């Protein structure tokens, strides 16, 4: 742990975006106001909620014992997520930032531990950590498996993670603290996409290392109305076309055979779920990309026949996925 005078602590910006989060937003805001880190600013964006979210934000931010500077943006008409976030980010002043959804919350020491890791690793652009996953009133479980004493059951990879991130989902984006200057230098979130995390992670990892902090920093609420729950929505996913676009972007960024192999594995994985969820138009794009990466064999032939004949088993898939 690095010990500093309060004036030496780098400023951290939390950008909290809410949309119809009346059930969760108070807890999210309380978790920011309860941080044990001394130098924060909070930007709250209500993206044209239709429930009580705006009213809760107005009332809750009146109670601010640590006098954290707060800016509030209440949109009359909703903006796509990436555009909305970029707009708010341009108001930020922090050396680092956290992209906090209004339906998640931070643990009290999350920012302190994350800042310490980034200050100790000046080449790193992102610090990520573990998180609690919470579904309704069910028992909390961690994203990374831990034993009964709370120790990690296996080592979490860090450093150069580009190829690993291309291949698989291995970082929970809600735990990330990001270096603001680098984020801005690569153009921030891609506003042509419907979601941000896969794309921003691979773009940042292409040139910069990530660092892991072994603490549980966030509580992520798993529920059916979250943005991520629509990734493989039956027949009309708004997220899969963005996933396909990111995969094409990765192909252009790749430099080695190993990276192309990792992308092929990712594309086959996404193709499988695209077919299961009956998003057949997007499946054609994944098939074309997979073929260009050298995909072949019996399984790939089956996928081609599946897409051609549009066999719809999405009812089974939605029940058991």
C-alpha atoms as a PDB file:
ATOM      1  CA  UNK A   1       0.000   0.000   0.000  1.00  0.00           C
ATOM      2  CA  UNK A   2       1.337   3.455  -0.958  1.00  0.00           C
ATOM      3  CA  UNK A   3       0.930   6.058   1.783  1.00  0.00           C
ATOM      4  CA  UNK A   4       0.329   9.644   0.615  1.00  0.00           C
ATOM      5  CA  UNK A   5      -0.909  12.966   1.904  1.00  0.00           C
ATOM      6  CA  UNK A   6      -4.512  13.664   0.904  1.00  0.00           C
ATOM      7  CA  UNK A   7      -3.346  16.341  -1.539  1.00  0.00           C
ATOM      8  CA  UNK A   8      -1.199  13.747  -3.319  1.00  0.00           C
ATOM      9  CA  UNK A   9      -3.995  11.261  -3.954  1.00  0.00           C
ATOM     10  CA  UNK A  10      -5.028  11.194  -7.631  1.00  0.00           C
ATOM     11  CA  UNK A  11      -8.582  12.244  -8.357  1.00  0.00           C
ATOM     12  CA  UNK A  12     -10.930   9.398  -9.329  1.00  0.00           C
ATOM     13  CA  UNK A  13     -14.134  10.036 -11.280  1.00  0.00           C
ATOM     14  CA  UNK A  14     -17.111   7.724 -10.886  1.00  0.00           C
ATOM     15  CA  UNK A  15     -19.570   8.004 -13.770  1.00  0.00           C
ATOM     16  CA  UNK A  16     -22.803   6.323 -12.693  1.00  0.00           C
ATOM     17  CA  UNK A  17     -25.361   5.734 -15.440  1.00  0.00           C
ATOM     18  CA  UNK A  18     -28.914   4.825 -14.483  1.00  0.00           C
ATOM     19  CA  UNK A  19     -31.912   3.835 -16.562  1.00  0.00           C
ATOM     20  CA  UNK A  20     -35.043   2.641 -14.757  1.00  0.00           C
ATOM     21  CA  UNK A  21     -32.934   1.540 -11.781  1.00  0.00           C
ATOM     22  CA  UNK A  22     -35.261   2.633  -8.973  1.00  0.00           C
ATOM     23  CA  UNK A  23     -34.700  -0.689  -7.170  1.00  0.00           C
ATOM     24  CA  UNK A  24     -30.913  -0.334  -7.154  1.00  0.00           C
ATOM     25  CA  UNK A  25     -29.858   3.299  -7.586  1.00  0.00           C
ATOM     26  CA  UNK A  26     -29.927   4.304  -3.930  1.00  0.00           C
ATOM     27  CA  UNK A  27     -27.565   1.474  -3.034  1.00  0.00           C
ATOM     28  CA  UNK A  28     -25.277   2.407  -5.931  1.00  0.00           C
ATOM     29  CA  UNK A  29     -25.061   6.036  -4.830  1.00  0.00           C
ATOM     30  CA  UNK A  30     -24.612   5.110  -1.168  1.00  0.00           C
ATOM     31  CA  UNK A  31     -21.719   2.850  -2.134  1.00  0.00           C
ATOM     32  CA  UNK A  32     -19.927   5.782  -3.783  1.00  0.00           C
ATOM     33  CA  UNK A  33     -20.553   8.135  -0.871  1.00  0.00           C
ATOM     34  CA  UNK A  34     -19.255   5.458   1.541  1.00  0.00           C
ATOM     35  CA  UNK A  35     -15.849   5.010  -0.144  1.00  0.00           C
ATOM     36  CA  UNK A  36     -12.856   5.256   2.159  1.00  0.00           C
ATOM     37  CA  UNK A  37     -10.844   7.024  -0.564  1.00  0.00           C
ATOM     38  CA  UNK A  38     -10.408  10.782  -0.006  1.00  0.00           C
ATOM     39  CA  UNK A  39     -10.428  12.310  -3.494  1.00  0.00           C
ATOM     40  CA  UNK A  40     -13.459  11.576  -5.668  1.00  0.00           C
ATOM     41  CA  UNK A  41     -15.891  13.223  -8.019  1.00  0.00           C
ATOM     42  CA  UNK A  42     -19.236  11.737  -9.031  1.00  0.00           C
ATOM     43  CA  UNK A  43     -21.068  12.279 -12.306  1.00  0.00           C
ATOM     44  CA  UNK A  44     -24.581  10.815 -12.322  1.00  0.00           C
ATOM     45  CA  UNK A  45     -26.426  10.302 -15.594  1.00  0.00           C
ATOM     46  CA  UNK A  46     -30.105   9.446 -15.641  1.00  0.00           C
ATOM     47  CA  UNK A  47     -30.708   8.321 -19.206  1.00  0.00           C
ATOM     48  CA  UNK A  48     -34.392   9.363 -19.375  1.00  0.00           C
ATOM     49  CA  UNK A  49     -35.734   6.854 -16.840  1.00  0.00           C
ATOM     50  CA  UNK A  50     -39.495   6.323 -16.757  1.00  0.00           C
ATOM     51  CA  UNK A  51     -39.648   5.212 -13.110  1.00  0.00           C
ATOM     52  CA  UNK A  52     -38.623   6.905  -9.823  1.00  0.00           C
ATOM     53  CA  UNK A  53     -34.892   6.827 -10.551  1.00  0.00           C
ATOM     54  CA  UNK A  54     -34.563  10.585 -11.115  1.00  0.00           C
ATOM     55  CA  UNK A  55     -36.400  11.449  -7.911  1.00  0.00           C
ATOM     56  CA  UNK A  56     -34.272   9.033  -5.888  1.00  0.00           C
ATOM     57  CA  UNK A  57     -31.093  10.552  -7.320  1.00  0.00           C
ATOM     58  CA  UNK A  58     -32.249  14.059  -6.429  1.00  0.00           C
ATOM     59  CA  UNK A  59     -33.133  13.066  -2.874  1.00  0.00           C
ATOM     60  CA  UNK A  60     -30.179  10.801  -2.152  1.00  0.00           C
ATOM     61  CA  UNK A  61     -27.475  13.192  -3.281  1.00  0.00           C
ATOM     62  CA  UNK A  62     -28.645  15.755  -0.719  1.00  0.00           C
ATOM     63  CA  UNK A  63     -26.996  13.499   1.884  1.00  0.00           C
ATOM     64  CA  UNK A  64     -23.288  13.782   1.103  1.00  0.00           C
ATOM     65  CA  UNK A  65     -21.292  13.778   4.369  1.00  0.00           C
ATOM     66  CA  UNK A  66     -17.890  13.671   2.637  1.00  0.00           C
ATOM     67  CA  UNK A  67     -18.808  16.594   0.356  1.00  0.00           C
ATOM     68  CA  UNK A  68     -17.895  14.711  -2.831  1.00  0.00           C
ATOM     69  CA  UNK A  69     -18.351  17.006  -5.865  1.00  0.00           C
ATOM     70  CA  UNK A  70     -21.418  15.803  -7.779  1.00  0.00           C
ATOM     71  CA  UNK A  71     -22.628  16.640 -11.269  1.00  0.00           C
ATOM     72  CA  UNK A  72     -26.060  15.422 -12.343  1.00  0.00           C
ATOM     73  CA  UNK A  73     -27.261  14.928 -15.917  1.00  0.00           C
ATOM     74  CA  UNK A  74     -30.967  14.248 -16.422  1.00  0.00           C
ATOM     75  CA  UNK A  75     -31.666  13.364 -20.031  1.00  0.00           C
ATOM     76  CA  UNK A  76     -35.086  14.105 -21.510  1.00  0.00           C
ATOM     77  CA  UNK A  77     -34.481  11.643 -24.350  1.00  0.00           C
ATOM     78  CA  UNK A  78     -32.243   8.591 -23.911  1.00  0.00           C
ATOM     79  CA  UNK A  79     -28.917   8.349 -25.697  1.00  0.00           C
ATOM     80  CA  UNK A  80     -27.255   5.098 -26.754  1.00  0.00           C
ATOM     81  CA  UNK A  81     -25.055   3.955 -23.890  1.00  0.00           C
ATOM     82  CA  UNK A  82     -21.645   4.594 -25.445  1.00  0.00           C
ATOM     83  CA  UNK A  83     -22.583   8.099 -26.629  1.00  0.00           C
ATOM     84  CA  UNK A  84     -24.113   8.934 -23.265  1.00  0.00           C
ATOM     85  CA  UNK A  85     -21.033   7.813 -21.382  1.00  0.00           C
ATOM     86  CA  UNK A  86     -18.610   9.662 -23.669  1.00  0.00           C
ATOM     87  CA  UNK A  87     -20.625  12.833 -23.212  1.00  0.00           C
ATOM     88  CA  UNK A  88     -20.341  12.512 -19.427  1.00  0.00           C
ATOM     89  CA  UNK A  89     -16.681  11.505 -19.538  1.00  0.00           C
ATOM     90  CA  UNK A  90     -15.760  14.791 -21.222  1.00  0.00           C
ATOM     91  CA  UNK A  91     -16.891  16.532 -18.018  1.00  0.00           C
ATOM     92  CA  UNK A  92     -14.601  14.418 -15.847  1.00  0.00           C
ATOM     93  CA  UNK A  93     -11.319  15.558 -14.306  1.00  0.00           C
ATOM     94  CA  UNK A  94     -10.048  12.343 -12.724  1.00  0.00           C
ATOM     95  CA  UNK A  95      -6.734  10.671 -13.456  1.00  0.00           C
ATOM     96  CA  UNK A  96      -8.722   7.431 -13.286  1.00  0.00           C
ATOM     97  CA  UNK A  97     -12.393   6.647 -13.770  1.00  0.00           C
ATOM     98  CA  UNK A  98     -14.938   3.948 -12.975  1.00  0.00           C
ATOM     99  CA  UNK A  99     -17.927   3.228 -15.208  1.00  0.00           C
ATOM    100  CA  UNK A 100     -20.576   2.285 -12.638  1.00  0.00           C
ATOM    101  CA  UNK A 101     -23.989   1.037 -13.651  1.00  0.00           C
ATOM    102  CA  UNK A 102     -26.889   2.258 -11.537  1.00  0.00           C
ATOM    103  CA  UNK A 103     -27.827  -1.326 -10.715  1.00  0.00           C
ATOM    104  CA  UNK A 104     -24.431  -2.274  -9.215  1.00  0.00           C
ATOM    105  CA  UNK A 105     -22.551  -1.064  -6.147  1.00  0.00           C
ATOM    106  CA  UNK A 106     -18.979  -0.640  -4.931  1.00  0.00           C
ATOM    107  CA  UNK A 107     -17.412  -2.117  -1.834  1.00  0.00           C
ATOM    108  CA  UNK A 108     -16.053   0.587   0.531  1.00  0.00           C
ATOM    109  CA  UNK A 109     -12.368  -0.112  -0.168  1.00  0.00           C
ATOM    110  CA  UNK A 110     -12.600  -0.780  -3.911  1.00  0.00           C
ATOM    111  CA  UNK A 111     -11.256   2.561  -5.104  1.00  0.00           C
ATOM    112  CA  UNK A 112      -8.429   2.660  -2.570  1.00  0.00           C
ATOM    113  CA  UNK A 113      -7.109  -0.767  -3.566  1.00  0.00           C
ATOM    114  CA  UNK A 114      -7.508  -0.084  -7.292  1.00  0.00           C
ATOM    115  CA  UNK A 115      -5.711   3.254  -7.166  1.00  0.00           C
ATOM    116  CA  UNK A 116      -2.871   1.691  -5.208  1.00  0.00           C
ATOM    117  CA  UNK A 117      -2.373  -0.955  -7.910  1.00  0.00           C
ATOM    118  CA  UNK A 118      -2.393   1.562 -10.753  1.00  0.00           C
ATOM    119  CA  UNK A 119      -0.065   3.958  -8.953  1.00  0.00           C
ATOM    120  CA  UNK A 120       2.298   1.032  -8.319  1.00  0.00           C
ATOM    121  CA  UNK A 121       2.070  -0.061 -11.975  1.00  0.00           C
ATOM    122  CA  UNK A 122       2.329   3.113 -14.086  1.00  0.00           C
ATOM    123  CA  UNK A 123       2.407   1.164 -17.372  1.00  0.00           C
ATOM    124  CA  UNK A 124      -0.949  -0.481 -16.638  1.00  0.00           C
ATOM    125  CA  UNK A 125      -4.054   1.097 -18.133  1.00  0.00           C
ATOM    126  CA  UNK A 126      -6.678  -0.916 -16.231  1.00  0.00           C
ATOM    127  CA  UNK A 127      -6.931  -2.390 -12.756  1.00  0.00           C
ATOM    128  CA  UNK A 128      -9.557  -5.114 -12.395  1.00  0.00           C
ATOM    129  CA  UNK A 129     -10.630  -7.109  -9.363  1.00  0.00           C
ATOM    130  CA  UNK A 130     -13.084  -9.727  -8.187  1.00  0.00           C
ATOM    131  CA  UNK A 131     -16.797  -9.150  -7.644  1.00  0.00           C
ATOM    132  CA  UNK A 132     -19.765 -10.601  -5.867  1.00  0.00           C
ATOM    133  CA  UNK A 133     -22.519 -11.808  -8.202  1.00  0.00           C
ATOM    134  CA  UNK A 134     -25.972 -11.390  -6.689  1.00  0.00           C
ATOM    135  CA  UNK A 135     -29.213 -12.733  -8.116  1.00  0.00           C
ATOM    136  CA  UNK A 136     -32.265 -11.549  -6.221  1.00  0.00           C
ATOM    137  CA  UNK A 137     -31.999 -12.585  -2.586  1.00  0.00           C
ATOM    138  CA  UNK A 138     -29.783 -15.538  -3.410  1.00  0.00           C
ATOM    139  CA  UNK A 139     -26.410 -16.246  -1.909  1.00  0.00           C
ATOM    140  CA  UNK A 140     -23.489 -14.140  -3.113  1.00  0.00           C
ATOM    141  CA  UNK A 141     -20.815 -15.883  -5.134  1.00  0.00           C
ATOM    142  CA  UNK A 142     -17.583 -14.489  -6.499  1.00  0.00           C
ATOM    143  CA  UNK A 143     -16.693 -14.119 -10.160  1.00  0.00           C
ATOM    144  CA  UNK A 144     -13.372 -15.888  -9.607  1.00  0.00           C
ATOM    145  CA  UNK A 145     -13.725 -19.175  -7.660  1.00  0.00           C
ATOM    146  CA  UNK A 146     -12.507 -18.958  -4.071  1.00  0.00           C
ATOM    147  CA  UNK A 147     -12.157 -21.514  -1.293  1.00  0.00           C
ATOM    148  CA  UNK A 148     -13.964 -21.405   2.058  1.00  0.00           C
ATOM    149  CA  UNK A 149     -11.280 -19.129   3.488  1.00  0.00           C
ATOM    150  CA  UNK A 150     -11.756 -16.674   0.622  1.00  0.00           C
ATOM    151  CA  UNK A 151      -8.514 -17.466  -1.193  1.00  0.00           C
ATOM    152  CA  UNK A 152      -8.429 -17.659  -4.978  1.00  0.00           C
ATOM    153  CA  UNK A 153      -8.473 -21.234  -6.225  1.00  0.00           C
ATOM    154  CA  UNK A 154      -6.256 -20.367  -9.200  1.00  0.00           C
ATOM    155  CA  UNK A 155      -4.023 -17.519 -10.285  1.00  0.00           C
ATOM    156  CA  UNK A 156      -5.722 -14.688 -12.176  1.00  0.00           C
ATOM    157  CA  UNK A 157      -3.756 -13.708 -15.266  1.00  0.00           C
ATOM    158  CA  UNK A 158      -2.595 -10.111 -15.634  1.00  0.00           C
ATOM    159  CA  UNK A 159      -0.142  -8.145 -17.770  1.00  0.00           C
ATOM    160  CA  UNK A 160      -0.471  -8.621 -21.542  1.00  0.00           C
ATOM    161  CA  UNK A 161      -4.003  -9.986 -21.815  1.00  0.00           C
ATOM    162  CA  UNK A 162      -4.873  -9.154 -25.424  1.00  0.00           C
ATOM    163  CA  UNK A 163      -4.922 -12.694 -26.786  1.00  0.00           C
ATOM    164  CA  UNK A 164      -6.701 -14.035 -23.711  1.00  0.00           C
ATOM    165  CA  UNK A 165      -9.402 -11.348 -23.888  1.00  0.00           C
ATOM    166  CA  UNK A 166      -9.936 -12.044 -27.585  1.00  0.00           C
ATOM    167  CA  UNK A 167     -10.473 -15.713 -26.805  1.00  0.00           C
ATOM    168  CA  UNK A 168     -12.698 -15.589 -23.746  1.00  0.00           C
ATOM    169  CA  UNK A 169     -14.580 -13.548 -21.149  1.00  0.00           C
ATOM    170  CA  UNK A 170     -12.131 -13.359 -18.225  1.00  0.00           C
ATOM    171  CA  UNK A 171     -12.637  -9.891 -16.703  1.00  0.00           C
ATOM    172  CA  UNK A 172     -15.821  -8.520 -15.187  1.00  0.00           C
ATOM    173  CA  UNK A 173     -15.872  -5.017 -16.625  1.00  0.00           C
ATOM    174  CA  UNK A 174     -17.764  -3.518 -13.678  1.00  0.00           C
ATOM    175  CA  UNK A 175     -14.649  -4.017 -11.546  1.00  0.00           C
ATOM    176  CA  UNK A 176     -12.368  -2.002 -13.818  1.00  0.00           C
ATOM    177  CA  UNK A 177     -10.674   1.274 -12.961  1.00  0.00           C
ATOM    178  CA  UNK A 178      -9.315   2.897 -16.134  1.00  0.00           C
ATOM    179  CA  UNK A 179      -6.568   5.428 -16.799  1.00  0.00           C
ATOM    180  CA  UNK A 180      -8.467   8.408 -18.229  1.00  0.00           C
ATOM    181  CA  UNK A 181      -5.735   9.842 -20.452  1.00  0.00           C
ATOM    182  CA  UNK A 182      -5.231   6.551 -22.302  1.00  0.00           C
ATOM    183  CA  UNK A 183      -8.980   5.998 -22.665  1.00  0.00           C
ATOM    184  CA  UNK A 184      -9.345   9.431 -24.240  1.00  0.00           C
ATOM    185  CA  UNK A 185      -6.324   8.915 -26.512  1.00  0.00           C
ATOM    186  CA  UNK A 186      -7.916   5.878 -28.211  1.00  0.00           C
ATOM    187  CA  UNK A 187     -11.194   7.671 -28.887  1.00  0.00           C
ATOM    188  CA  UNK A 188     -13.198   6.584 -25.823  1.00  0.00           C
ATOM    189  CA  UNK A 189     -16.139   4.196 -26.363  1.00  0.00           C
ATOM    190  CA  UNK A 190     -17.057   3.323 -29.945  1.00  0.00           C
ATOM    191  CA  UNK A 191     -20.424   5.041 -30.368  1.00  0.00           C
ATOM    192  CA  UNK A 192     -21.405   2.787 -33.271  1.00  0.00           C
ATOM    193  CA  UNK A 193     -21.714  -0.130 -30.812  1.00  0.00           C
ATOM    194  CA  UNK A 194     -24.653  -1.031 -28.591  1.00  0.00           C
ATOM    195  CA  UNK A 195     -22.376  -1.978 -25.672  1.00  0.00           C
ATOM    196  CA  UNK A 196     -18.870  -1.062 -24.683  1.00  0.00           C
ATOM    197  CA  UNK A 197     -16.882  -3.529 -22.596  1.00  0.00           C
ATOM    198  CA  UNK A 198     -15.612  -6.186 -25.039  1.00  0.00           C
ATOM    199  CA  UNK A 199     -14.417  -3.561 -27.504  1.00  0.00           C
ATOM    200  CA  UNK A 200     -12.744  -1.224 -25.020  1.00  0.00           C
ATOM    201  CA  UNK A 201     -10.932  -4.066 -23.273  1.00  0.00           C
ATOM    202  CA  UNK A 202      -9.354  -5.455 -26.435  1.00  0.00           C
ATOM    203  CA  UNK A 203      -8.480  -2.022 -27.801  1.00  0.00           C
ATOM    204  CA  UNK A 204      -6.746  -1.025 -24.562  1.00  0.00           C
ATOM    205  CA  UNK A 205      -5.110  -4.435 -24.123  1.00  0.00           C
ATOM    206  CA  UNK A 206      -3.636  -4.290 -27.628  1.00  0.00           C
ATOM    207  CA  UNK A 207      -0.944  -1.860 -26.438  1.00  0.00           C
ATOM    208  CA  UNK A 208      -1.170  -1.764 -22.638  1.00  0.00           C
ATOM    209  CA  UNK A 209      -0.937  -4.204 -19.704  1.00  0.00           C
ATOM    210  CA  UNK A 210      -3.712  -4.755 -17.163  1.00  0.00           C
ATOM    211  CA  UNK A 211      -3.137  -5.326 -13.447  1.00  0.00           C
ATOM    212  CA  UNK A 212      -5.238  -7.455 -11.066  1.00  0.00           C
ATOM    213  CA  UNK A 213      -6.037  -6.533  -7.479  1.00  0.00           C
ATOM    214  CA  UNK A 214      -7.007  -9.463  -5.265  1.00  0.00           C
ATOM    215  CA  UNK A 215      -9.964  -7.868  -3.556  1.00  0.00           C
ATOM    216  CA  UNK A 216     -13.723  -8.130  -4.014  1.00  0.00           C
ATOM    217  CA  UNK A 217     -14.587  -4.656  -5.188  1.00  0.00           C
ATOM    218  CA  UNK A 218     -18.118  -4.682  -6.607  1.00  0.00           C
ATOM    219  CA  UNK A 219     -21.529  -6.241  -6.102  1.00  0.00           C
ATOM    220  CA  UNK A 220     -23.029  -6.971  -9.529  1.00  0.00           C
ATOM    221  CA  UNK A 221     -26.764  -7.571  -9.558  1.00  0.00           C
ATOM    222  CA  UNK A 222     -27.861 -10.217 -12.050  1.00  0.00           C
ATOM    223  CA  UNK A 223     -31.366  -9.508 -13.331  1.00  0.00           C
ATOM    224  CA  UNK A 224     -33.399  -9.848 -16.503  1.00  0.00           C
ATOM    225  CA  UNK A 225     -33.529  -6.119 -17.286  1.00  0.00           C
ATOM    226  CA  UNK A 226     -29.786  -5.538 -17.295  1.00  0.00           C
ATOM    227  CA  UNK A 227     -28.055  -4.617 -20.543  1.00  0.00           C
ATOM    228  CA  UNK A 228     -25.887  -7.732 -20.499  1.00  0.00           C
ATOM    229  CA  UNK A 229     -28.913 -10.032 -20.199  1.00  0.00           C
ATOM    230  CA  UNK A 230     -29.836  -9.167 -23.800  1.00  0.00           C
ATOM    231  CA  UNK A 231     -26.610 -10.462 -25.332  1.00  0.00           C
ATOM    232  CA  UNK A 232     -28.254 -13.602 -26.740  1.00  0.00           C
ATOM    233  CA  UNK A 233     -31.844 -12.428 -26.818  1.00  0.00           C
ATOM    234  CA  UNK A 234     -33.960 -14.714 -28.969  1.00  0.00           C
ATOM    235  CA  UNK A 235     -34.229 -13.683 -32.652  1.00  0.00           C
ATOM    236  CA  UNK A 236     -33.600  -9.939 -32.151  1.00  0.00           C
ATOM    237  CA  UNK A 237     -30.461  -9.384 -30.106  1.00  0.00           C
ATOM    238  CA  UNK A 238     -29.339  -5.764 -30.379  1.00  0.00           C
ATOM    239  CA  UNK A 239     -25.929  -6.713 -28.965  1.00  0.00           C
ATOM    240  CA  UNK A 240     -24.800  -9.519 -31.289  1.00  0.00           C
ATOM    241  CA  UNK A 241     -24.315  -7.238 -34.333  1.00  0.00           C
ATOM    242  CA  UNK A 242     -21.948  -5.182 -32.166  1.00  0.00           C
ATOM    243  CA  UNK A 243     -20.113  -8.319 -31.075  1.00  0.00           C
ATOM    244  CA  UNK A 244     -19.648  -9.244 -34.738  1.00  0.00           C
ATOM    245  CA  UNK A 245     -18.328  -5.768 -35.522  1.00  0.00           C
ATOM    246  CA  UNK A 246     -15.833  -5.982 -32.626  1.00  0.00           C
ATOM    247  CA  UNK A 247     -14.625  -9.353 -33.911  1.00  0.00           C
ATOM    248  CA  UNK A 248     -13.927  -7.821 -37.329  1.00  0.00           C
ATOM    249  CA  UNK A 249     -12.069  -4.987 -35.599  1.00  0.00           C
ATOM    250  CA  UNK A 250      -9.994  -7.569 -33.731  1.00  0.00           C
ATOM    251  CA  UNK A 251      -9.100  -9.306 -36.973  1.00  0.00           C
ATOM    252  CA  UNK A 252      -7.679  -6.019 -38.233  1.00  0.00           C
ATOM    253  CA  UNK A 253      -5.712  -5.551 -34.981  1.00  0.00           C
ATOM    254  CA  UNK A 254      -4.284  -9.071 -34.811  1.00  0.00           C
ATOM    255  CA  UNK A 255      -0.567  -9.570 -35.455  1.00  0.00           C
ATOM    256  CA  UNK A 256       0.118 -13.273 -34.885  1.00  0.00           C
ATOM    257  CA  UNK A 257      -1.234 -16.705 -35.754  1.00  0.00           C
ATOM    258  CA  UNK A 258      -1.971 -17.247 -32.072  1.00  0.00           C
ATOM    259  CA  UNK A 259      -4.160 -14.171 -31.979  1.00  0.00           C
ATOM    260  CA  UNK A 260      -6.038 -15.320 -35.100  1.00  0.00           C
ATOM    261  CA  UNK A 261      -6.540 -18.721 -33.480  1.00  0.00           C
ATOM    262  CA  UNK A 262      -7.919 -17.041 -30.352  1.00  0.00           C
ATOM    263  CA  UNK A 263     -10.287 -14.982 -32.495  1.00  0.00           C
ATOM    264  CA  UNK A 264     -11.448 -18.074 -34.355  1.00  0.00           C
ATOM    265  CA  UNK A 265     -12.337 -19.730 -31.036  1.00  0.00           C
ATOM    266  CA  UNK A 266     -14.253 -16.634 -29.974  1.00  0.00           C
ATOM    267  CA  UNK A 267     -16.089 -16.421 -33.301  1.00  0.00           C
ATOM    268  CA  UNK A 268     -17.112 -20.087 -33.178  1.00  0.00           C
ATOM    269  CA  UNK A 269     -18.371 -19.594 -29.625  1.00  0.00           C
ATOM    270  CA  UNK A 270     -20.422 -16.545 -30.626  1.00  0.00           C
ATOM    271  CA  UNK A 271     -21.667 -18.319 -33.776  1.00  0.00           C
ATOM    272  CA  UNK A 272     -22.939 -21.236 -31.724  1.00  0.00           C
ATOM    273  CA  UNK A 273     -24.937 -18.967 -29.395  1.00  0.00           C
ATOM    274  CA  UNK A 274     -26.146 -16.870 -32.311  1.00  0.00           C
ATOM    275  CA  UNK A 275     -27.599 -20.014 -33.908  1.00  0.00           C
ATOM    276  CA  UNK A 276     -29.076 -21.295 -30.665  1.00  0.00           C
ATOM    277  CA  UNK A 277     -30.805 -17.936 -30.160  1.00  0.00           C
ATOM    278  CA  UNK A 278     -32.046 -17.888 -33.789  1.00  0.00           C
ATOM    279  CA  UNK A 279     -30.287 -14.641 -34.739  1.00  0.00           C
ATOM    280  CA  UNK A 280     -29.723 -16.001 -38.236  1.00  0.00           C
ATOM    281  CA  UNK A 281     -28.876 -12.726 -40.013  1.00  0.00           C
ATOM    282  CA  UNK A 282     -25.964 -12.142 -37.632  1.00  0.00           C
ATOM    283  CA  UNK A 283     -24.972 -15.802 -37.888  1.00  0.00           C
ATOM    284  CA  UNK A 284     -24.163 -15.302 -41.566  1.00  0.00           C
ATOM    285  CA  UNK A 285     -21.620 -12.663 -40.618  1.00  0.00           C
ATOM    286  CA  UNK A 286     -19.988 -14.919 -38.025  1.00  0.00           C
ATOM    287  CA  UNK A 287     -19.873 -17.757 -40.560  1.00  0.00           C
ATOM    288  CA  UNK A 288     -18.103 -15.554 -43.096  1.00  0.00           C
ATOM    289  CA  UNK A 289     -15.582 -14.351 -40.517  1.00  0.00           C
ATOM    290  CA  UNK A 290     -14.966 -17.869 -39.210  1.00  0.00           C
ATOM    291  CA  UNK A 291     -14.324 -19.116 -42.745  1.00  0.00           C
ATOM    292  CA  UNK A 292     -11.813 -16.322 -43.338  1.00  0.00           C
ATOM    293  CA  UNK A 293      -9.991 -17.453 -40.192  1.00  0.00           C
ATOM    294  CA  UNK A 294      -9.726 -21.025 -41.474  1.00  0.00           C
ATOM    295  CA  UNK A 295     -12.674 -22.669 -39.734  1.00  0.00           C
ATOM    296  CA  UNK A 296     -13.517 -26.099 -41.168  1.00  0.00           C
ATOM    297  CA  UNK A 297     -14.565 -29.591 -40.163  1.00  0.00           C
ATOM    298  CA  UNK A 298     -17.785 -31.338 -39.242  1.00  0.00           C
ATOM    299  CA  UNK A 299     -18.949 -28.902 -36.563  1.00  0.00           C
ATOM    300  CA  UNK A 300     -18.451 -25.933 -38.839  1.00  0.00           C
ATOM    301  CA  UNK A 301     -20.354 -27.726 -41.626  1.00  0.00           C
ATOM    302  CA  UNK A 302     -23.236 -28.364 -39.204  1.00  0.00           C
ATOM    303  CA  UNK A 303     -23.266 -24.684 -38.277  1.00  0.00           C
ATOM    304  CA  UNK A 304     -23.416 -23.753 -41.958  1.00  0.00           C
ATOM    305  CA  UNK A 305     -26.373 -26.106 -42.554  1.00  0.00           C
ATOM    306  CA  UNK A 306     -28.067 -24.799 -39.412  1.00  0.00           C
ATOM    307  CA  UNK A 307     -27.816 -21.205 -40.618  1.00  0.00           C
ATOM    308  CA  UNK A 308     -28.863 -22.098 -44.176  1.00  0.00           C
ATOM    309  CA  UNK A 309     -31.983 -23.977 -43.025  1.00  0.00           C
ATOM    310  CA  UNK A 310     -32.650 -21.645 -40.084  1.00  0.00           C
ATOM    311  CA  UNK A 311     -33.504 -24.430 -37.664  1.00  0.00           C
ATOM    312  CA  UNK A 312     -35.086 -22.570 -34.777  1.00  0.00           C
ATOM    313  CA  UNK A 313     -34.592 -24.228 -31.367  1.00  0.00           C
ATOM    314  CA  UNK A 314     -34.468 -20.919 -29.506  1.00  0.00           C
ATOM    315  CA  UNK A 315     -37.354 -21.925 -27.230  1.00  0.00           C
ATOM    316  CA  UNK A 316     -35.247 -24.739 -25.808  1.00  0.00           C
ATOM    317  CA  UNK A 317     -32.208 -22.456 -25.621  1.00  0.00           C
ATOM    318  CA  UNK A 318     -33.969 -19.617 -23.775  1.00  0.00           C
ATOM    319  CA  UNK A 319     -35.222 -22.084 -21.180  1.00  0.00           C
ATOM    320  CA  UNK A 320     -31.883 -23.727 -20.425  1.00  0.00           C
ATOM    321  CA  UNK A 321     -29.122 -21.218 -21.321  1.00  0.00           C
END
